[in-house]
Amino acid sequence: MKMLKNKSGQAVFIGIMMFIMVFITLVQFIQPIKEVIVDSRSSSNLDCANSSISFGRRSTCVIVDSSLFYFFGTGLAAAAALLGGRFIFEKVRS
């Protein structure tokens, strides 16, 4: 219970809770984004499996393939920055 009375402990606890909340939200968005990627790559849309498509379509396929990684990575980086920022600003204030 001492941690809950300490303001620094509260900041750490709230930061960890925010990180977990953002992580759970990101994990929930993985499946819908994956479905959009699979639908975009299908033969009726971009036709990424075809070896004779133009350079522009190949580039679009690469961007669509990496979008899930970038979405998840950006979300985790934002959550880590929020948590790290709280630690840094708590150290600066005291």
N, C-alpha and C. Protein backbone atom coordinates (compact mmCIF):
# COMPACT_ATOMS: atom_id res chain seq x y z
N MET A 1 0.81 -1.20 0.00
CA MET A 1 0.00 0.00 0.00
C MET A 1 0.85 1.26 0.00
N LYS A 2 2.12 1.17 0.43
CA LYS A 2 2.95 2.37 0.44
C LYS A 2 3.15 2.91 -0.96
N MET A 3 3.23 2.01 -1.96
CA MET A 3 3.44 2.45 -3.32
C MET A 3 2.28 3.32 -3.80
N LEU A 4 1.07 3.01 -3.39
CA LEU A 4 -0.08 3.78 -3.84
C LEU A 4 -0.11 5.17 -3.22
N LYS A 5 0.54 5.37 -2.09
CA LYS A 5 0.58 6.68 -1.46
C LYS A 5 1.71 7.54 -1.99
N ASN A 6 2.67 6.94 -2.63
CA ASN A 6 3.81 7.64 -3.17
C ASN A 6 3.46 8.13 -4.57
N LYS A 7 3.65 9.43 -4.85
CA LYS A 7 3.29 9.97 -6.17
C LYS A 7 4.15 9.39 -7.29
N SER A 8 5.40 9.12 -7.03
CA SER A 8 6.27 8.51 -8.03
C SER A 8 5.80 7.09 -8.35
N GLY A 9 5.41 6.37 -7.31
CA GLY A 9 4.89 5.02 -7.51
C GLY A 9 3.60 5.03 -8.29
N GLN A 10 2.76 6.05 -8.06
CA GLN A 10 1.52 6.16 -8.81
C GLN A 10 1.80 6.42 -10.28
N ALA A 11 2.77 7.26 -10.57
CA ALA A 11 3.11 7.56 -11.96
C ALA A 11 3.60 6.31 -12.68
N VAL A 12 4.41 5.53 -12.00
CA VAL A 12 4.92 4.30 -12.60
C VAL A 12 3.77 3.33 -12.83
N PHE A 13 2.90 3.19 -11.85
CA PHE A 13 1.77 2.28 -11.96
C PHE A 13 0.83 2.69 -13.09
N ILE A 14 0.53 3.98 -13.19
CA ILE A 14 -0.34 4.48 -14.26
C ILE A 14 0.34 4.31 -15.62
N GLY A 15 1.64 4.54 -15.69
CA GLY A 15 2.37 4.35 -16.94
C GLY A 15 2.33 2.91 -17.41
N ILE A 16 2.50 1.99 -16.50
CA ILE A 16 2.44 0.57 -16.85
C ILE A 16 1.03 0.20 -17.31
N MET A 17 0.03 0.72 -16.63
CA MET A 17 -1.36 0.45 -17.03
C MET A 17 -1.64 1.01 -18.43
N MET A 18 -1.13 2.20 -18.73
CA MET A 18 -1.32 2.79 -20.07
C MET A 18 -0.63 1.94 -21.13
N PHE A 19 0.58 1.47 -20.84
CA PHE A 19 1.31 0.63 -21.77
C PHE A 19 0.53 -0.65 -22.07
N ILE A 20 0.00 -1.28 -21.03
CA ILE A 20 -0.78 -2.50 -21.20
C ILE A 20 -2.04 -2.23 -22.01
N MET A 21 -2.70 -1.10 -21.74
CA MET A 21 -3.92 -0.75 -22.47
C MET A 21 -3.63 -0.54 -23.96
N VAL A 22 -2.56 0.16 -24.27
CA VAL A 22 -2.19 0.39 -25.67
C VAL A 22 -1.81 -0.92 -26.34
N PHE A 23 -1.09 -1.77 -25.63
CA PHE A 23 -0.69 -3.07 -26.19
C PHE A 23 -1.92 -3.92 -26.52
N ILE A 24 -2.88 -3.97 -25.59
CA ILE A 24 -4.10 -4.76 -25.84
C ILE A 24 -4.88 -4.19 -27.02
N THR A 25 -4.96 -2.86 -27.11
CA THR A 25 -5.66 -2.24 -28.24
C THR A 25 -4.97 -2.59 -29.56
N LEU A 26 -3.66 -2.55 -29.59
CA LEU A 26 -2.93 -2.90 -30.81
C LEU A 26 -3.15 -4.35 -31.20
N VAL A 27 -3.14 -5.23 -30.23
CA VAL A 27 -3.34 -6.65 -30.51
C VAL A 27 -4.74 -6.89 -31.07
N GLN A 28 -5.72 -6.15 -30.60
CA GLN A 28 -7.08 -6.31 -31.10
C GLN A 28 -7.22 -5.84 -32.55
N PHE A 29 -6.39 -4.90 -32.97
CA PHE A 29 -6.45 -4.40 -34.35
C PHE A 29 -5.67 -5.25 -35.34
N ILE A 30 -4.91 -6.22 -34.88
CA ILE A 30 -4.08 -7.02 -35.79
C ILE A 30 -4.94 -7.81 -36.78
N GLN A 31 -5.96 -8.50 -36.31
CA GLN A 31 -6.76 -9.35 -37.19
C GLN A 31 -7.49 -8.54 -38.28
N PRO A 32 -8.17 -7.42 -37.97
CA PRO A 32 -8.80 -6.67 -39.06
C PRO A 32 -7.79 -6.12 -40.08
N ILE A 33 -6.65 -5.68 -39.61
CA ILE A 33 -5.64 -5.17 -40.54
C ILE A 33 -5.09 -6.30 -41.40
N LYS A 34 -4.91 -7.47 -40.81
CA LYS A 34 -4.43 -8.62 -41.56
C LYS A 34 -5.43 -9.01 -42.65
N GLU A 35 -6.72 -8.96 -42.34
CA GLU A 35 -7.74 -9.27 -43.34
C GLU A 35 -7.72 -8.27 -44.49
N VAL A 36 -7.52 -7.00 -44.19
CA VAL A 36 -7.44 -5.98 -45.24
C VAL A 36 -6.22 -6.22 -46.12
N ILE A 37 -5.10 -6.60 -45.51
CA ILE A 37 -3.89 -6.87 -46.28
C ILE A 37 -4.09 -8.07 -47.21
N VAL A 38 -4.68 -9.14 -46.69
CA VAL A 38 -4.91 -10.33 -47.52
C VAL A 38 -5.87 -10.01 -48.65
N ASP A 39 -6.90 -9.22 -48.36
CA ASP A 39 -7.87 -8.84 -49.39
C ASP A 39 -7.21 -7.95 -50.44
N SER A 40 -6.34 -7.05 -50.02
CA SER A 40 -5.66 -6.16 -50.96
C SER A 40 -4.71 -6.92 -51.87
N ARG A 41 -4.07 -7.94 -51.35
CA ARG A 41 -3.10 -8.71 -52.13
C ARG A 41 -3.74 -9.75 -53.05
N SER A 42 -5.03 -9.96 -52.93
CA SER A 42 -5.69 -11.02 -53.70
C SER A 42 -5.61 -10.75 -55.20
N SER A 43 -5.92 -11.78 -55.99
CA SER A 43 -5.79 -11.67 -57.44
C SER A 43 -6.82 -10.72 -58.04
N SER A 44 -7.89 -10.43 -57.33
CA SER A 44 -8.87 -9.50 -57.88
C SER A 44 -8.51 -8.04 -57.61
N ASN A 45 -7.53 -7.78 -56.75
CA ASN A 45 -7.13 -6.40 -56.45
C ASN A 45 -5.72 -6.11 -56.96
N LEU A 46 -4.71 -6.29 -56.16
CA LEU A 46 -3.33 -5.99 -56.59
C LEU A 46 -2.67 -7.13 -57.35
N ASP A 47 -3.11 -8.34 -57.12
CA ASP A 47 -2.54 -9.53 -57.77
C ASP A 47 -1.03 -9.64 -57.51
N CYS A 48 -0.68 -9.63 -56.23
CA CYS A 48 0.73 -9.64 -55.84
C CYS A 48 1.43 -10.96 -56.15
N ALA A 49 0.69 -12.05 -56.32
CA ALA A 49 1.31 -13.34 -56.61
C ALA A 49 1.76 -13.44 -58.07
N ASN A 50 1.27 -12.57 -58.92
CA ASN A 50 1.63 -12.58 -60.34
C ASN A 50 3.05 -12.03 -60.50
N SER A 51 3.88 -12.74 -61.26
CA SER A 51 5.27 -12.31 -61.42
C SER A 51 5.43 -11.26 -62.53
N SER A 52 4.41 -11.03 -63.33
CA SER A 52 4.56 -10.09 -64.45
C SER A 52 3.82 -8.77 -64.20
N ILE A 53 3.67 -8.37 -62.96
CA ILE A 53 3.01 -7.10 -62.68
C ILE A 53 4.03 -5.96 -62.77
N SER A 54 3.54 -4.75 -62.89
CA SER A 54 4.43 -3.59 -63.06
C SER A 54 5.21 -3.29 -61.78
N PHE A 55 6.22 -2.45 -61.94
CA PHE A 55 7.05 -2.05 -60.81
C PHE A 55 6.23 -1.31 -59.75
N GLY A 56 5.30 -0.48 -60.21
CA GLY A 56 4.44 0.26 -59.29
C GLY A 56 3.59 -0.66 -58.44
N ARG A 57 3.04 -1.69 -59.06
CA ARG A 57 2.22 -2.65 -58.30
C ARG A 57 3.08 -3.46 -57.34
N ARG A 58 4.27 -3.84 -57.76
CA ARG A 58 5.17 -4.56 -56.85
C ARG A 58 5.51 -3.70 -55.64
N SER A 59 5.78 -2.44 -55.89
CA SER A 59 6.09 -1.52 -54.79
C SER A 59 4.90 -1.39 -53.85
N THR A 60 3.71 -1.30 -54.41
CA THR A 60 2.51 -1.22 -53.59
C THR A 60 2.33 -2.49 -52.77
N CYS A 61 2.63 -3.63 -53.35
CA CYS A 61 2.54 -4.89 -52.62
C CYS A 61 3.50 -4.92 -51.43
N VAL A 62 4.71 -4.40 -51.64
CA VAL A 62 5.69 -4.36 -50.55
C VAL A 62 5.20 -3.44 -49.43
N ILE A 63 4.65 -2.29 -49.80
CA ILE A 63 4.14 -1.36 -48.80
C ILE A 63 2.96 -1.95 -48.04
N VAL A 64 2.07 -2.61 -48.75
CA VAL A 64 0.91 -3.23 -48.10
C VAL A 64 1.36 -4.36 -47.18
N ASP A 65 2.36 -5.14 -47.60
CA ASP A 65 2.88 -6.22 -46.76
C ASP A 65 3.49 -5.71 -45.47
N SER A 66 4.19 -4.60 -45.54
CA SER A 66 4.87 -4.10 -44.35
C SER A 66 3.99 -3.22 -43.47
N SER A 67 2.78 -2.94 -43.88
CA SER A 67 1.93 -2.01 -43.11
C SER A 67 1.57 -2.56 -41.73
N LEU A 68 1.37 -3.86 -41.60
CA LEU A 68 1.05 -4.43 -40.29
C LEU A 68 2.23 -4.27 -39.33
N PHE A 69 3.42 -4.53 -39.82
CA PHE A 69 4.62 -4.37 -38.99
C PHE A 69 4.78 -2.92 -38.54
N TYR A 70 4.60 -1.97 -39.47
CA TYR A 70 4.76 -0.56 -39.13
C TYR A 70 3.66 -0.09 -38.18
N PHE A 71 2.44 -0.57 -38.36
CA PHE A 71 1.35 -0.19 -37.46
C PHE A 71 1.66 -0.66 -36.05
N PHE A 72 2.03 -1.91 -35.90
CA PHE A 72 2.32 -2.47 -34.59
C PHE A 72 3.56 -1.82 -33.98
N GLY A 73 4.59 -1.62 -34.77
CA GLY A 73 5.81 -0.99 -34.28
C GLY A 73 5.61 0.45 -33.85
N THR A 74 4.80 1.19 -34.59
CA THR A 74 4.51 2.58 -34.23
C THR A 74 3.73 2.65 -32.93
N GLY A 75 2.78 1.77 -32.76
CA GLY A 75 2.00 1.75 -31.53
C GLY A 75 2.84 1.41 -30.32
N LEU A 76 3.70 0.40 -30.45
CA LEU A 76 4.58 0.05 -29.34
C LEU A 76 5.59 1.15 -29.05
N ALA A 77 6.09 1.80 -30.09
CA ALA A 77 7.04 2.89 -29.88
C ALA A 77 6.37 4.06 -29.17
N ALA A 78 5.13 4.35 -29.52
CA ALA A 78 4.40 5.44 -28.86
C ALA A 78 4.15 5.10 -27.39
N ALA A 79 3.79 3.87 -27.12
CA ALA A 79 3.56 3.47 -25.73
C ALA A 79 4.86 3.51 -24.93
N ALA A 80 5.94 3.06 -25.52
CA ALA A 80 7.23 3.11 -24.82
C ALA A 80 7.68 4.55 -24.61
N ALA A 81 7.42 5.42 -25.58
CA ALA A 81 7.78 6.83 -25.42
C ALA A 81 6.96 7.48 -24.31
N LEU A 82 5.70 7.12 -24.23
CA LEU A 82 4.86 7.66 -23.16
C LEU A 82 5.35 7.21 -21.81
N LEU A 83 5.66 5.94 -21.68
CA LEU A 83 6.16 5.40 -20.42
C LEU A 83 7.54 5.98 -20.09
N GLY A 84 8.41 6.05 -21.06
CA GLY A 84 9.74 6.61 -20.84
C GLY A 84 9.69 8.10 -20.54
N GLY A 85 8.79 8.81 -21.19
CA GLY A 85 8.63 10.24 -20.94
C GLY A 85 8.19 10.52 -19.52
N ARG A 86 7.33 9.67 -19.01
CA ARG A 86 6.90 9.85 -17.62
C ARG A 86 8.09 9.68 -16.67
N PHE A 87 8.92 8.69 -16.92
CA PHE A 87 10.09 8.49 -16.06
C PHE A 87 11.04 9.69 -16.13
N ILE A 88 11.29 10.17 -17.36
CA ILE A 88 12.23 11.28 -17.53
C ILE A 88 11.69 12.55 -16.87
N PHE A 89 10.41 12.86 -17.10
CA PHE A 89 9.87 14.09 -16.53
C PHE A 89 9.75 14.01 -15.01
N GLU A 90 9.54 12.82 -14.48
CA GLU A 90 9.52 12.67 -13.02
C GLU A 90 10.91 12.92 -12.44
N LYS A 91 11.95 12.48 -13.13
CA LYS A 91 13.32 12.69 -12.67
C LYS A 91 13.68 14.18 -12.76
N VAL A 92 13.23 14.85 -13.82
CA VAL A 92 13.57 16.26 -14.03
C VAL A 92 12.86 17.13 -12.98
N ARG A 93 11.62 16.80 -12.68
CA ARG A 93 10.85 17.60 -11.72
C ARG A 93 11.39 17.52 -10.31
N SER A 94 11.96 16.38 -9.96
CA SER A 94 12.43 16.23 -8.57
C SER A 94 13.86 16.65 -8.38
